[in-house]
């Protein structure tokens, strides 16, 4: 499957390299995501709490990184709070900070250690992160080194574990 370049619409070989195909045997956790998750377009204005999201919830009209990450966690039975990055970082009711991220934990990336405006991704295990990437316009799975190589993602602000909800037993046992 060819991934279009977000800016030009032309096929983007670099994005293809980083995009995890649906149902991939390479990553059994991500292979359990339904196909529509892999085609969600990046739409900056569709964030948690936005009027457009309240009026038309879900991913069909696109999402920003936060909304996408939260919907992925909901698919696996977790109930993340609909918070923006800085509020998520400070939250202690529905999430906890963790120093060793596991699959389905949230990772926050920014140019500095400031959580305000941080980019959100979902830890997929093995140093890989699923995120809705504004740079390419679609969901992607990157290694931590891919984030570190970009100024706007170079700092891992930290990791948060959603405590509300329960992932399926096989995910809880094998991936978390």
Foldseek 3Di string as FASTA:
>chain_A
DFFAFPVPRHGDVVQVVFAAQALDPVFNLRVPDDPVLFAQFADPQAAQPHPVCVVPPDRPNHHHFHSSLQVSLVVQWFHDDRDQQQVSVVDDPFKDFDDDDWFQKKWWFALDLRRVPTGIWTDRPPQWTWTQDPRRGGIGIDGLVVQCVDNGGNDTNGIMDGRGTDGPPVCVVPTD
